[in-house]
PDB file of N, CA and C in Angstrom:
ATOM      1  N   MET A   1     -41.110 -12.983 -16.830  1.00  0.00           N
ATOM      2  CA  MET A   1     -40.808 -11.821 -16.026  1.00  0.00           C
ATOM      3  C   MET A   1     -40.245 -12.297 -14.683  1.00  0.00           C
ATOM      4  N   ASN A   2     -39.113 -11.730 -14.304  1.00  0.00           N
ATOM      5  CA  ASN A   2     -38.481 -12.108 -13.042  1.00  0.00           C
ATOM      6  C   ASN A   2     -39.089 -11.311 -11.897  1.00  0.00           C
ATOM      7  N   VAL A   3     -39.584 -12.032 -10.908  1.00  0.00           N
ATOM      8  CA  VAL A   3     -40.161 -11.422  -9.718  1.00  0.00           C
ATOM      9  C   VAL A   3     -39.485 -12.059  -8.514  1.00  0.00           C
ATOM     10  N   PHE A   4     -39.120 -11.214  -7.535  1.00  0.00           N
ATOM     11  CA  PHE A   4     -38.469 -11.750  -6.342  1.00  0.00           C
ATOM     12  C   PHE A   4     -39.447 -12.582  -5.550  1.00  0.00           C
ATOM     13  N   GLU A   5     -39.037 -13.771  -5.234  1.00  0.00           N
ATOM     14  CA  GLU A   5     -39.813 -14.632  -4.354  1.00  0.00           C
ATOM     15  C   GLU A   5     -38.997 -14.846  -3.094  1.00  0.00           C
ATOM     16  N   GLY A   6     -39.588 -14.552  -1.949  1.00  0.00           N
ATOM     17  CA  GLY A   6     -38.880 -14.659  -0.684  1.00  0.00           C
ATOM     18  C   GLY A   6     -38.603 -16.091  -0.305  1.00  0.00           C
ATOM     19  N   ASP A   7     -37.841 -16.242   0.727  1.00  0.00           N
ATOM     20  CA  ASP A   7     -37.511 -17.545   1.261  1.00  0.00           C
ATOM     21  C   ASP A   7     -38.793 -18.251   1.713  1.00  0.00           C
ATOM     22  N   PHE A   8     -38.748 -19.552   1.782  1.00  0.00           N
ATOM     23  CA  PHE A   8     -39.919 -20.338   2.175  1.00  0.00           C
ATOM     24  C   PHE A   8     -40.417 -19.942   3.562  1.00  0.00           C
ATOM     25  N   SER A   9     -39.502 -19.535   4.445  1.00  0.00           N
ATOM     26  CA  SER A   9     -39.905 -19.195   5.817  1.00  0.00           C
ATOM     27  C   SER A   9     -40.538 -17.811   5.922  1.00  0.00           C
ATOM     28  N   GLN A  10     -40.487 -17.014   4.856  1.00  0.00           N
ATOM     29  CA  GLN A  10     -41.086 -15.688   4.898  1.00  0.00           C
ATOM     30  C   GLN A  10     -42.574 -15.786   4.594  1.00  0.00           C
ATOM     31  N   SER A  11     -43.374 -15.293   5.514  1.00  0.00           N
ATOM     32  CA  SER A  11     -44.807 -15.257   5.278  1.00  0.00           C
ATOM     33  C   SER A  11     -45.422 -14.229   6.200  1.00  0.00           C
ATOM     34  N   GLY A  12     -46.593 -13.751   5.887  1.00  0.00           N
ATOM     35  CA  GLY A  12     -47.274 -12.788   6.730  1.00  0.00           C
ATOM     36  C   GLY A  12     -46.747 -11.385   6.519  1.00  0.00           C
ATOM     37  N   PHE A  13     -47.059 -10.501   7.458  1.00  0.00           N
ATOM     38  CA  PHE A  13     -46.702  -9.105   7.316  1.00  0.00           C
ATOM     39  C   PHE A  13     -45.758  -8.634   8.407  1.00  0.00           C
ATOM     40  N   GLY A  14     -45.155  -9.539   9.160  1.00  0.00           N
ATOM     41  CA  GLY A  14     -44.126  -9.180  10.105  1.00  0.00           C
ATOM     42  C   GLY A  14     -44.646  -8.673  11.439  1.00  0.00           C
ATOM     43  N   LEU A  15     -43.715  -8.119  12.207  1.00  0.00           N
ATOM     44  CA  LEU A  15     -44.049  -7.634  13.546  1.00  0.00           C
ATOM     45  C   LEU A  15     -44.957  -6.411  13.498  1.00  0.00           C
ATOM     46  N   GLY A  16     -44.849  -5.617  12.442  1.00  0.00           N
ATOM     47  CA  GLY A  16     -45.706  -4.440  12.322  1.00  0.00           C
ATOM     48  C   GLY A  16     -47.173  -4.811  12.346  1.00  0.00           C
ATOM     49  N   ASN A  17     -47.505  -5.924  11.731  1.00  0.00           N
ATOM     50  CA  ASN A  17     -48.886  -6.392  11.715  1.00  0.00           C
ATOM     51  C   ASN A  17     -49.337  -6.787  13.117  1.00  0.00           C
ATOM     52  N   ILE A  18     -48.463  -7.441  13.851  1.00  0.00           N
ATOM     53  CA  ILE A  18     -48.809  -7.874  15.208  1.00  0.00           C
ATOM     54  C   ILE A  18     -49.007  -6.671  16.120  1.00  0.00           C
ATOM     55  N   PHE A  19     -48.030  -5.729  16.091  1.00  0.00           N
ATOM     56  CA  PHE A  19     -48.141  -4.548  16.949  1.00  0.00           C
ATOM     57  C   PHE A  19     -49.323  -3.680  16.547  1.00  0.00           C
ATOM     58  N   GLY A  20     -49.587  -3.594  15.252  1.00  0.00           N
ATOM     59  CA  GLY A  20     -50.724  -2.806  14.779  1.00  0.00           C
ATOM     60  C   GLY A  20     -52.038  -3.355  15.288  1.00  0.00           C
ATOM     61  N   SER A  21     -52.193  -4.671  15.233  1.00  0.00           N
ATOM     62  CA  SER A  21     -53.445  -5.262  15.713  1.00  0.00           C
ATOM     63  C   SER A  21     -53.580  -5.110  17.230  1.00  0.00           C
ATOM     64  N   LEU A  22     -52.465  -5.188  17.956  1.00  0.00           N
ATOM     65  CA  LEU A  22     -52.525  -4.977  19.405  1.00  0.00           C
ATOM     66  C   LEU A  22     -52.945  -3.547  19.723  1.00  0.00           C
ATOM     67  N   MET A  23     -52.406  -2.576  19.001  1.00  0.00           N
ATOM     68  CA  MET A  23     -52.751  -1.177  19.249  1.00  0.00           C
ATOM     69  C   MET A  23     -54.215  -0.903  18.905  1.00  0.00           C
ATOM     70  N   ARG A  24     -54.711  -1.497  17.825  1.00  0.00           N
ATOM     71  CA  ARG A  24     -56.115  -1.293  17.469  1.00  0.00           C
ATOM     72  C   ARG A  24     -57.038  -1.815  18.558  1.00  0.00           C
ATOM     73  N   LYS A  25     -56.638  -2.874  19.215  1.00  0.00           N
ATOM     74  CA  LYS A  25     -57.452  -3.412  20.298  1.00  0.00           C
ATOM     75  C   LYS A  25     -57.284  -2.599  21.580  1.00  0.00           C
ATOM     76  N   ALA A  26     -56.117  -1.988  21.788  1.00  0.00           N
ATOM     77  CA  ALA A  26     -55.843  -1.248  23.023  1.00  0.00           C
ATOM     78  C   ALA A  26     -56.362   0.183  22.977  1.00  0.00           C
ATOM     79  N   ILE A  27     -56.501   0.760  21.794  1.00  0.00           N
ATOM     80  CA  ILE A  27     -56.902   2.170  21.673  1.00  0.00           C
ATOM     81  C   ILE A  27     -58.227   2.474  22.374  1.00  0.00           C
ATOM     82  N   PRO A  28     -59.266   1.646  22.265  1.00  0.00           N
ATOM     83  CA  PRO A  28     -60.512   1.979  22.969  1.00  0.00           C
ATOM     84  C   PRO A  28     -60.337   2.086  24.482  1.00  0.00           C
ATOM     85  N   PHE A  29     -59.369   1.375  25.051  1.00  0.00           N
ATOM     86  CA  PHE A  29     -59.133   1.456  26.485  1.00  0.00           C
ATOM     87  C   PHE A  29     -58.274   2.669  26.843  1.00  0.00           C
ATOM     88  N   ILE A  30     -57.322   2.999  25.994  1.00  0.00           N
ATOM     89  CA  ILE A  30     -56.360   4.062  26.275  1.00  0.00           C
ATOM     90  C   ILE A  30     -56.919   5.447  25.978  1.00  0.00           C
ATOM     91  N   LYS A  31     -57.736   5.562  24.954  1.00  0.00           N
ATOM     92  CA  LYS A  31     -58.210   6.865  24.489  1.00  0.00           C
ATOM     93  C   LYS A  31     -58.920   7.687  25.582  1.00  0.00           C
ATOM     94  N   PRO A  32     -59.854   7.120  26.361  1.00  0.00           N
ATOM     95  CA  PRO A  32     -60.490   7.921  27.416  1.00  0.00           C
ATOM     96  C   PRO A  32     -59.499   8.415  28.470  1.00  0.00           C
ATOM     97  N   LEU A  33     -58.499   7.587  28.798  1.00  0.00           N
ATOM     98  CA  LEU A  33     -57.503   7.998  29.780  1.00  0.00           C
ATOM     99  C   LEU A  33     -56.672   9.166  29.266  1.00  0.00           C
ATOM    100  N   ILE A  34     -56.302   9.115  27.996  1.00  0.00           N
ATOM    101  CA  ILE A  34     -55.503  10.192  27.412  1.00  0.00           C
ATOM    102  C   ILE A  34     -56.304  11.483  27.375  1.00  0.00           C
ATOM    103  N   LYS A  35     -57.584  11.395  27.022  1.00  0.00           N
ATOM    104  CA  LYS A  35     -58.421  12.595  26.972  1.00  0.00           C
ATOM    105  C   LYS A  35     -58.547  13.238  28.350  1.00  0.00           C
ATOM    106  N   LYS A  36     -58.820  12.417  29.371  1.00  0.00           N
ATOM    107  CA  LYS A  36     -58.954  12.949  30.728  1.00  0.00           C
ATOM    108  C   LYS A  36     -57.647  13.566  31.203  1.00  0.00           C
ATOM    109  N   THR A  37     -56.539  12.898  30.916  1.00  0.00           N
ATOM    110  CA  THR A  37     -55.230  13.384  31.345  1.00  0.00           C
ATOM    111  C   THR A  37     -54.908  14.719  30.688  1.00  0.00           C
ATOM    112  N   ALA A  38     -55.124  14.815  29.375  1.00  0.00           N
ATOM    113  CA  ALA A  38     -54.831  16.053  28.660  1.00  0.00           C
ATOM    114  C   ALA A  38     -55.703  17.195  29.173  1.00  0.00           C
ATOM    115  N   LYS A  39     -56.947  16.919  29.451  1.00  0.00           N
ATOM    116  CA  LYS A  39     -57.858  17.943  29.949  1.00  0.00           C
ATOM    117  C   LYS A  39     -57.402  18.447  31.320  1.00  0.00           C
ATOM    118  N   SER A  40     -57.023  17.525  32.192  1.00  0.00           N
ATOM    119  CA  SER A  40     -56.582  17.895  33.534  1.00  0.00           C
ATOM    120  C   SER A  40     -55.276  18.696  33.487  1.00  0.00           C
ATOM    121  N   VAL A  41     -54.318  18.246  32.678  1.00  0.00           N
ATOM    122  CA  VAL A  41     -53.036  18.939  32.570  1.00  0.00           C
ATOM    123  C   VAL A  41     -53.243  20.336  31.991  1.00  0.00           C
ATOM    124  N   GLY A  42     -54.127  20.473  31.017  1.00  0.00           N
ATOM    125  CA  GLY A  42     -54.416  21.779  30.432  1.00  0.00           C
ATOM    126  C   GLY A  42     -55.001  22.748  31.443  1.00  0.00           C
ATOM    127  N   LYS A  43     -55.933  22.271  32.258  1.00  0.00           N
ATOM    128  CA  LYS A  43     -56.532  23.133  33.290  1.00  0.00           C
ATOM    129  C   LYS A  43     -55.482  23.591  34.292  1.00  0.00           C
ATOM    130  N   HIS A  44     -54.632  22.662  34.722  1.00  0.00           N
ATOM    131  CA  HIS A  44     -53.592  23.030  35.683  1.00  0.00           C
ATOM    132  C   HIS A  44     -52.578  23.986  35.048  1.00  0.00           C
ATOM    133  N   GLY A  45     -52.306  23.819  33.765  1.00  0.00           N
ATOM    134  CA  GLY A  45     -51.396  24.726  33.070  1.00  0.00           C
ATOM    135  C   GLY A  45     -51.935  26.146  33.031  1.00  0.00           C
ATOM    136  N   LEU A  46     -53.229  26.272  32.782  1.00  0.00           N
ATOM    137  CA  LEU A  46     -53.839  27.603  32.781  1.00  0.00           C
ATOM    138  C   LEU A  46     -53.803  28.236  34.176  1.00  0.00           C
ATOM    139  N   LYS A  47     -54.082  27.425  35.198  1.00  0.00           N
ATOM    140  CA  LYS A  47     -54.026  27.941  36.565  1.00  0.00           C
ATOM    141  C   LYS A  47     -52.599  28.354  36.938  1.00  0.00           C
ATOM    142  N   LEU A  48     -51.618  27.566  36.465  1.00  0.00           N
ATOM    143  CA  LEU A  48     -50.217  27.898  36.720  1.00  0.00           C
ATOM    144  C   LEU A  48     -49.872  29.256  36.118  1.00  0.00           C
ATOM    145  N   GLY A  49     -50.288  29.473  34.880  1.00  0.00           N
ATOM    146  CA  GLY A  49     -50.019  30.754  34.221  1.00  0.00           C
ATOM    147  C   GLY A  49     -50.652  31.922  34.957  1.00  0.00           C
ATOM    148  N   SER A  50     -51.883  31.743  35.395  1.00  0.00           N
ATOM    149  CA  SER A  50     -52.551  32.840  36.103  1.00  0.00           C
ATOM    150  C   SER A  50     -51.904  33.102  37.464  1.00  0.00           C
ATOM    151  N   ASP A  51     -51.445  32.039  38.150  1.00  0.00           N
ATOM    152  CA  ASP A  51     -50.767  32.211  39.439  1.00  0.00           C
ATOM    153  C   ASP A  51     -49.439  32.951  39.269  1.00  0.00           C
ATOM    154  N   ILE A  52     -48.705  32.622  38.214  1.00  0.00           N
ATOM    155  CA  ILE A  52     -47.424  33.288  37.956  1.00  0.00           C
ATOM    156  C   ILE A  52     -47.651  34.767  37.658  1.00  0.00           C
ATOM    157  N   ILE A  53     -48.639  35.063  36.843  1.00  0.00           N
ATOM    158  CA  ILE A  53     -48.938  36.466  36.515  1.00  0.00           C
ATOM    159  C   ILE A  53     -49.333  37.235  37.772  1.00  0.00           C
ATOM    160  N   THR A  54     -50.142  36.599  38.634  1.00  0.00           N
ATOM    161  CA  THR A  54     -50.545  37.244  39.887  1.00  0.00           C
ATOM    162  C   THR A  54     -49.328  37.545  40.758  1.00  0.00           C
ATOM    163  N   ASP A  55     -48.397  36.572  40.863  1.00  0.00           N
ATOM    164  CA  ASP A  55     -47.192  36.779  41.671  1.00  0.00           C
ATOM    165  C   ASP A  55     -46.319  37.890  41.092  1.00  0.00           C
ATOM    166  N   VAL A  56     -46.161  37.909  39.774  1.00  0.00           N
ATOM    167  CA  VAL A  56     -45.321  38.927  39.127  1.00  0.00           C
ATOM    168  C   VAL A  56     -45.933  40.309  39.338  1.00  0.00           C
ATOM    169  N   LEU A  57     -47.245  40.404  39.230  1.00  0.00           N
ATOM    170  CA  LEU A  57     -47.906  41.699  39.426  1.00  0.00           C
ATOM    171  C   LEU A  57     -47.811  42.169  40.883  1.00  0.00           C
ATOM    172  N   SER A  58     -47.681  41.216  41.800  1.00  0.00           N
ATOM    173  CA  SER A  58     -47.549  41.605  43.204  1.00  0.00           C
ATOM    174  C   SER A  58     -46.103  41.937  43.579  1.00  0.00           C
ATOM    175  N   GLY A  59     -45.169  41.806  42.626  1.00  0.00           N
ATOM    176  CA  GLY A  59     -43.798  42.241  42.859  1.00  0.00           C
ATOM    177  C   GLY A  59     -42.767  41.138  42.949  1.00  0.00           C
ATOM    178  N   GLU A  60     -43.156  39.883  42.846  1.00  0.00           N
ATOM    179  CA  GLU A  60     -42.193  38.782  42.923  1.00  0.00           C
ATOM    180  C   GLU A  60     -41.502  38.616  41.565  1.00  0.00           C
ATOM    181  N   SER A  61     -40.284  38.089  41.577  1.00  0.00           N
ATOM    182  CA  SER A  61     -39.573  37.907  40.306  1.00  0.00           C
ATOM    183  C   SER A  61     -40.219  36.758  39.524  1.00  0.00           C
ATOM    184  N   PRO A  62     -40.247  36.852  38.192  1.00  0.00           N
ATOM    185  CA  PRO A  62     -40.865  35.787  37.382  1.00  0.00           C
ATOM    186  C   PRO A  62     -40.193  34.433  37.573  1.00  0.00           C
ATOM    187  N   LYS A  63     -38.863  34.438  37.687  1.00  0.00           N
ATOM    188  CA  LYS A  63     -38.136  33.182  37.844  1.00  0.00           C
ATOM    189  C   LYS A  63     -38.519  32.493  39.160  1.00  0.00           C
ATOM    190  N   ARG A  64     -38.527  33.250  40.237  1.00  0.00           N
ATOM    191  CA  ARG A  64     -38.877  32.703  41.554  1.00  0.00           C
ATOM    192  C   ARG A  64     -40.327  32.226  41.580  1.00  0.00           C
ATOM    193  N   SER A  65     -41.212  32.997  40.963  1.00  0.00           N
ATOM    194  CA  SER A  65     -42.625  32.622  40.916  1.00  0.00           C
ATOM    195  C   SER A  65     -42.820  31.332  40.126  1.00  0.00           C
ATOM    196  N   LEU A  66     -42.121  31.217  39.003  1.00  0.00           N
ATOM    197  CA  LEU A  66     -42.230  30.004  38.180  1.00  0.00           C
ATOM    198  C   LEU A  66     -41.739  28.788  38.947  1.00  0.00           C
ATOM    199  N   GLN A  67     -40.628  28.937  39.662  1.00  0.00           N
ATOM    200  CA  GLN A  67     -40.114  27.810  40.439  1.00  0.00           C
ATOM    201  C   GLN A  67     -41.099  27.387  41.527  1.00  0.00           C
ATOM    202  N   LYS A  68     -41.616  28.366  42.255  1.00  0.00           N
ATOM    203  CA  LYS A  68     -42.517  28.075  43.375  1.00  0.00           C
ATOM    204  C   LYS A  68     -43.846  27.496  42.883  1.00  0.00           C
ATOM    205  N   GLN A  69     -44.488  28.185  41.941  1.00  0.00           N
ATOM    206  CA  GLN A  69     -45.801  27.746  41.450  1.00  0.00           C
ATOM    207  C   GLN A  69     -45.689  26.461  40.619  1.00  0.00           C
ATOM    208  N   GLY A  70     -44.601  26.350  39.847  1.00  0.00           N
ATOM    209  CA  GLY A  70     -44.410  25.159  39.017  1.00  0.00           C
ATOM    210  C   GLY A  70     -44.310  23.894  39.843  1.00  0.00           C
ATOM    211  N   LYS A  71     -43.529  23.969  40.928  1.00  0.00           N
ATOM    212  CA  LYS A  71     -43.382  22.802  41.794  1.00  0.00           C
ATOM    213  C   LYS A  71     -44.717  22.435  42.436  1.00  0.00           C
ATOM    214  N   ARG A  72     -45.437  23.451  42.891  1.00  0.00           N
ATOM    215  CA  ARG A  72     -46.736  23.208  43.536  1.00  0.00           C
ATOM    216  C   ARG A  72     -47.718  22.576  42.552  1.00  0.00           C
ATOM    217  N   ARG A  73     -47.779  23.111  41.329  1.00  0.00           N
ATOM    218  CA  ARG A  73     -48.712  22.576  40.327  1.00  0.00           C
ATOM    219  C   ARG A  73     -48.309  21.180  39.862  1.00  0.00           C
ATOM    220  N   LEU A  74     -47.020  20.929  39.715  1.00  0.00           N
ATOM    221  CA  LEU A  74     -46.590  19.585  39.316  1.00  0.00           C
ATOM    222  C   LEU A  74     -46.989  18.547  40.353  1.00  0.00           C
ATOM    223  N   ASP A  75     -46.870  18.896  41.624  1.00  0.00           N
ATOM    224  CA  ASP A  75     -47.301  17.972  42.676  1.00  0.00           C
ATOM    225  C   ASP A  75     -48.806  17.712  42.588  1.00  0.00           C
ATOM    226  N   GLN A  76     -49.578  18.764  42.319  1.00  0.00           N
ATOM    227  CA  GLN A  76     -51.031  18.609  42.191  1.00  0.00           C
ATOM    228  C   GLN A  76     -51.388  17.755  40.973  1.00  0.00           C
ATOM    229  N   ILE A  77     -50.693  17.994  39.850  1.00  0.00           N
ATOM    230  CA  ILE A  77     -50.957  17.211  38.629  1.00  0.00           C
ATOM    231  C   ILE A  77     -50.624  15.748  38.872  1.00  0.00           C
ATOM    232  N   GLU A  78     -49.493  15.489  39.523  1.00  0.00           N
ATOM    233  CA  GLU A  78     -49.095  14.108  39.797  1.00  0.00           C
ATOM    234  C   GLU A  78     -50.143  13.403  40.667  1.00  0.00           C
ATOM    235  N   ARG A  79     -50.603  14.068  41.708  1.00  0.00           N
ATOM    236  CA  ARG A  79     -51.620  13.503  42.585  1.00  0.00           C
ATOM    237  C   ARG A  79     -52.908  13.217  41.814  1.00  0.00           C
ATOM    238  N   LYS A  80     -53.312  14.171  40.981  1.00  0.00           N
ATOM    239  CA  LYS A  80     -54.545  14.038  40.200  1.00  0.00           C
ATOM    240  C   LYS A  80     -54.441  12.881  39.201  1.00  0.00           C
ATOM    241  N   LEU A  81     -53.289  12.749  38.528  1.00  0.00           N
ATOM    242  CA  LEU A  81     -53.110  11.666  37.558  1.00  0.00           C
ATOM    243  C   LEU A  81     -53.135  10.306  38.229  1.00  0.00           C
ATOM    244  N   LEU A  82     -52.557  10.210  39.402  1.00  0.00           N
ATOM    245  CA  LEU A  82     -52.593   8.933  40.125  1.00  0.00           C
ATOM    246  C   LEU A  82     -54.019   8.568  40.503  1.00  0.00           C
ATOM    247  N   GLU A  83     -54.818   9.553  40.880  1.00  0.00           N
ATOM    248  CA  GLU A  83     -56.229   9.294  41.198  1.00  0.00           C
ATOM    249  C   GLU A  83     -56.993   8.862  39.954  1.00  0.00           C
ATOM    250  N   MET A  84     -56.729   9.539  38.836  1.00  0.00           N
ATOM    251  CA  MET A  84     -57.463   9.256  37.602  1.00  0.00           C
ATOM    252  C   MET A  84     -57.100   7.895  37.035  1.00  0.00           C
ATOM    253  N   ASN A  85     -55.824   7.513  37.078  1.00  0.00           N
ATOM    254  CA  ASN A  85     -55.396   6.266  36.462  1.00  0.00           C
ATOM    255  C   ASN A  85     -55.764   5.039  37.269  1.00  0.00           C
ATOM    256  N   THR A  86     -56.107   5.216  38.540  1.00  0.00           N
ATOM    257  CA  THR A  86     -56.560   4.058  39.315  1.00  0.00           C
ATOM    258  C   THR A  86     -57.992   3.695  38.949  1.00  0.00           C
ATOM    259  N   ALA A  87     -58.741   4.662  38.447  1.00  0.00           N
ATOM    260  CA  ALA A  87     -60.119   4.402  38.035  1.00  0.00           C
ATOM    261  C   ALA A  87     -60.127   4.070  36.549  1.00  0.00           C
ATOM    262  N   VAL A  88     -60.080   2.786  36.230  1.00  0.00           N
ATOM    263  CA  VAL A  88     -60.066   2.336  34.839  1.00  0.00           C
ATOM    264  C   VAL A  88     -61.497   2.345  34.314  1.00  0.00           C
ATOM    265  N   PRO A  89     -61.711   2.833  33.096  1.00  0.00           N
ATOM    266  CA  PRO A  89     -63.076   2.862  32.571  1.00  0.00           C
ATOM    267  C   PRO A  89     -63.643   1.454  32.435  1.00  0.00           C
ATOM    268  N   THR A  90     -64.903   1.317  32.799  1.00  0.00           N
ATOM    269  CA  THR A  90     -65.529  -0.002  32.753  1.00  0.00           C
ATOM    270  C   THR A  90     -66.286  -0.234  31.455  1.00  0.00           C
ATOM    271  N   THR A  91     -66.608   0.834  30.768  1.00  0.00           N
ATOM    272  CA  THR A  91     -67.341   0.679  29.523  1.00  0.00           C
ATOM    273  C   THR A  91     -66.543   1.277  28.386  1.00  0.00           C
ATOM    274  N   ILE A  92     -66.769   0.736  27.213  1.00  0.00           N
ATOM    275  CA  ILE A  92     -66.102   1.223  26.007  1.00  0.00           C
ATOM    276  C   ILE A  92     -67.178   1.638  25.036  1.00  0.00           C
ATOM    277  N   LYS A  93     -67.034   2.825  24.469  1.00  0.00           N
ATOM    278  CA  LYS A  93     -67.990   3.259  23.463  1.00  0.00           C
ATOM    279  C   LYS A  93     -67.684   2.520  22.171  1.00  0.00           C
ATOM    280  N   ARG A  94     -68.668   1.862  21.673  1.00  0.00           N
ATOM    281  CA  ARG A  94     -68.483   1.121  20.425  1.00  0.00           C
ATOM    282  C   ARG A  94     -69.101   1.895  19.279  1.00  0.00           C
ATOM    283  N   ARG A  95     -68.540   1.672  18.115  1.00  0.00           N
ATOM    284  CA  ARG A  95     -69.079   2.323  16.932  1.00  0.00           C
ATOM    285  C   ARG A  95     -70.432   1.740  16.595  1.00  0.00           C
ATOM    286  N   LYS A  96     -71.317   2.614  16.126  1.00  0.00           N
ATOM    287  CA  LYS A  96     -72.633   2.145  15.721  1.00  0.00           C
ATOM    288  C   LYS A  96     -72.513   1.512  14.336  1.00  0.00           C
ATOM    289  N   VAL A  97     -73.083   0.348  14.214  1.00  0.00           N
ATOM    290  CA  VAL A  97     -73.058  -0.346  12.942  1.00  0.00           C
ATOM    291  C   VAL A  97     -74.366  -0.049  12.233  1.00  0.00           C
ATOM    292  N   SER A  98     -74.251   0.476  11.035  1.00  0.00           N
ATOM    293  CA  SER A  98     -75.469   0.798  10.305  1.00  0.00           C
ATOM    294  C   SER A  98     -76.087  -0.484   9.764  1.00  0.00           C
ATOM    295  N   LYS A  99     -77.382  -0.552   9.855  1.00  0.00           N
ATOM    296  CA  LYS A  99     -78.092  -1.728   9.374  1.00  0.00           C
ATOM    297  C   LYS A  99     -78.268  -1.627   7.870  1.00  0.00           C
ATOM    298  N   LYS A 100     -78.036  -2.741   7.208  1.00  0.00           N
ATOM    299  CA  LYS A 100     -78.199  -2.769   5.768  1.00  0.00           C
ATOM    300  C   LYS A 100     -79.674  -2.895   5.430  1.00  0.00           C
ATOM    301  N   LYS A 101     -80.073  -2.194   4.401  1.00  0.00           N
ATOM    302  CA  LYS A 101     -81.459  -2.295   3.967  1.00  0.00           C
ATOM    303  C   LYS A 101     -81.662  -3.635   3.265  1.00  0.00           C
ATOM    304  N   VAL A 102     -82.732  -4.277   3.625  1.00  0.00           N
ATOM    305  CA  VAL A 102     -83.044  -5.574   3.045  1.00  0.00           C
ATOM    306  C   VAL A 102     -83.853  -5.354   1.776  1.00  0.00           C
ATOM    307  N   LYS A 103     -83.398  -5.966   0.700  1.00  0.00           N
ATOM    308  CA  LYS A 103     -84.111  -5.831  -0.554  1.00  0.00           C
ATOM    309  C   LYS A 103     -85.284  -6.808  -0.533  1.00  0.00           C
ATOM    310  N   ARG A 104     -86.468  -6.281  -0.705  1.00  0.00           N
ATOM    311  CA  ARG A 104     -87.660  -7.121  -0.648  1.00  0.00           C
ATOM    312  C   ARG A 104     -87.853  -7.852  -1.969  1.00  0.00           C
ATOM    313  N   ARG A 105     -88.311  -9.054  -1.841  1.00  0.00           N
ATOM    314  CA  ARG A 105     -88.617  -9.834  -3.037  1.00  0.00           C
ATOM    315  C   ARG A 105     -90.015  -9.452  -3.518  1.00  0.00           C
ATOM    316  N   SER A 106     -90.153  -9.443  -4.772  1.00  0.00           N
ATOM    317  CA  SER A 106     -91.464  -9.094  -5.297  1.00  0.00           C
ATOM    318  C   SER A 106     -92.404 -10.297  -5.186  1.00  0.00           C
ATOM    319  N   THR A 107     -93.650 -10.017  -4.873  1.00  0.00           N
ATOM    320  CA  THR A 107     -94.646 -11.072  -4.734  1.00  0.00           C
ATOM    321  C   THR A 107     -95.197 -11.415  -6.117  1.00  0.00           C
ATOM    322  N   LYS A 108     -95.959 -12.491  -6.192  1.00  0.00           N
ATOM    323  CA  LYS A 108     -96.528 -12.903  -7.479  1.00  0.00           C
ATOM    324  C   LYS A 108     -97.470 -11.836  -8.028  1.00  0.00           C
ATOM    325  N   LYS A 109     -98.205 -11.196  -7.123  1.00  0.00           N
ATOM    326  CA  LYS A 109     -99.143 -10.164  -7.541  1.00  0.00           C
ATOM    327  C   LYS A 109     -98.385  -9.003  -8.187  1.00  0.00           C
ATOM    328  N   GLN A 110     -97.265  -8.606  -7.584  1.00  0.00           N
ATOM    329  CA  GLN A 110     -96.467  -7.520  -8.146  1.00  0.00           C
ATOM    330  C   GLN A 110     -95.864  -7.934  -9.483  1.00  0.00           C
ATOM    331  N   GLN A 111     -95.464  -9.218  -9.613  1.00  0.00           N
ATOM    332  CA  GLN A 111     -94.902  -9.694 -10.870  1.00  0.00           C
ATOM    333  C   GLN A 111     -95.954  -9.683 -11.971  1.00  0.00           C
ATOM    334  N   GLN A 112     -97.198 -10.085 -11.631  1.00  0.00           N
ATOM    335  CA  GLN A 112     -98.270 -10.100 -12.620  1.00  0.00           C
ATOM    336  C   GLN A 112     -98.609  -8.683 -13.055  1.00  0.00           C
ATOM    337  N   GLN A 113     -98.591  -7.733 -12.107  1.00  0.00           N
ATOM    338  CA  GLN A 113     -98.883  -6.340 -12.451  1.00  0.00           C
ATOM    339  C   GLN A 113     -97.810  -5.787 -13.372  1.00  0.00           C
ATOM    340  N   SER A 114     -96.562  -6.138 -13.120  1.00  0.00           N
ATOM    341  CA  SER A 114     -95.494  -5.618 -13.969  1.00  0.00           C
ATOM    342  C   SER A 114     -95.578  -6.239 -15.364  1.00  0.00           C
ATOM    343  N   LEU A 115     -96.033  -7.499 -15.445  1.00  0.00           N
ATOM    344  CA  LEU A 115     -96.192  -8.130 -16.757  1.00  0.00           C
ATOM    345  C   LEU A 115     -97.371  -7.520 -17.516  1.00  0.00           C
ATOM    346  N   SER A 116     -98.425  -7.147 -16.828  1.00  0.00           N
ATOM    347  CA  SER A 116     -99.589  -6.580 -17.493  1.00  0.00           C
ATOM    348  C   SER A 116     -99.289  -5.172 -17.998  1.00  0.00           C
ATOM    349  N   ASN A 117     -98.300  -4.521 -17.441  1.00  0.00           N
ATOM    350  CA  ASN A 117     -97.914  -3.182 -17.888  1.00  0.00           C
ATOM    351  C   ASN A 117     -96.937  -3.241 -19.056  1.00  0.00           C
ATOM    352  N   ASP A 118     -96.639  -4.442 -19.535  1.00  0.00           N
ATOM    353  CA  ASP A 118     -95.692  -4.635 -20.629  1.00  0.00           C
ATOM    354  C   ASP A 118     -96.269  -4.047 -21.923  1.00  0.00           C
ATOM    355  N   ILE A 119     -95.445  -3.416 -22.734  1.00  0.00           N
ATOM    356  CA  ILE A 119     -95.946  -2.763 -23.952  1.00  0.00           C
ATOM    357  C   ILE A 119     -96.332  -3.777 -25.023  1.00  0.00           C
ATOM    358  N   PHE A 120     -95.865  -5.010 -24.907  1.00  0.00           N
ATOM    359  CA  PHE A 120     -96.196  -6.010 -25.902  1.00  0.00           C
ATOM    360  C   PHE A 120     -97.399  -6.857 -25.494  1.00  0.00           C
ATOM    361  N   GLY A 121     -97.883  -6.700 -24.275  1.00  0.00           N
ATOM    362  CA  GLY A 121     -98.916  -7.587 -23.769  1.00  0.00           C
ATOM    363  C   GLY A 121    -100.245  -7.036 -23.809  1.00  0.00           C
TER     364      GLY A 121
END
């Protein structure tokens, strides 16, 4: 059966393997930052929406309100993100490793009892 065999210099799984292993190691550090950032941006987005609605209800045009409030909120988000990203997390939550149950060896007494319960004995 003919099977393709690569060149002698081909080995391993390529750059994808290298980048994949780097990302697996970096994810525990990056994940808390992404969560905090998304939470902060979401809160500011909700406040932006409520500010725009308040301005529109008070008689301002929606376009003008969006420009004014959007710029103000973007500046606040930028300031907040800079504060958050300077504080790098010092601890990483690690996965709990379940302990394997140890199989106990039977003692001589237990072996003798099991032999005495034999139907032929």
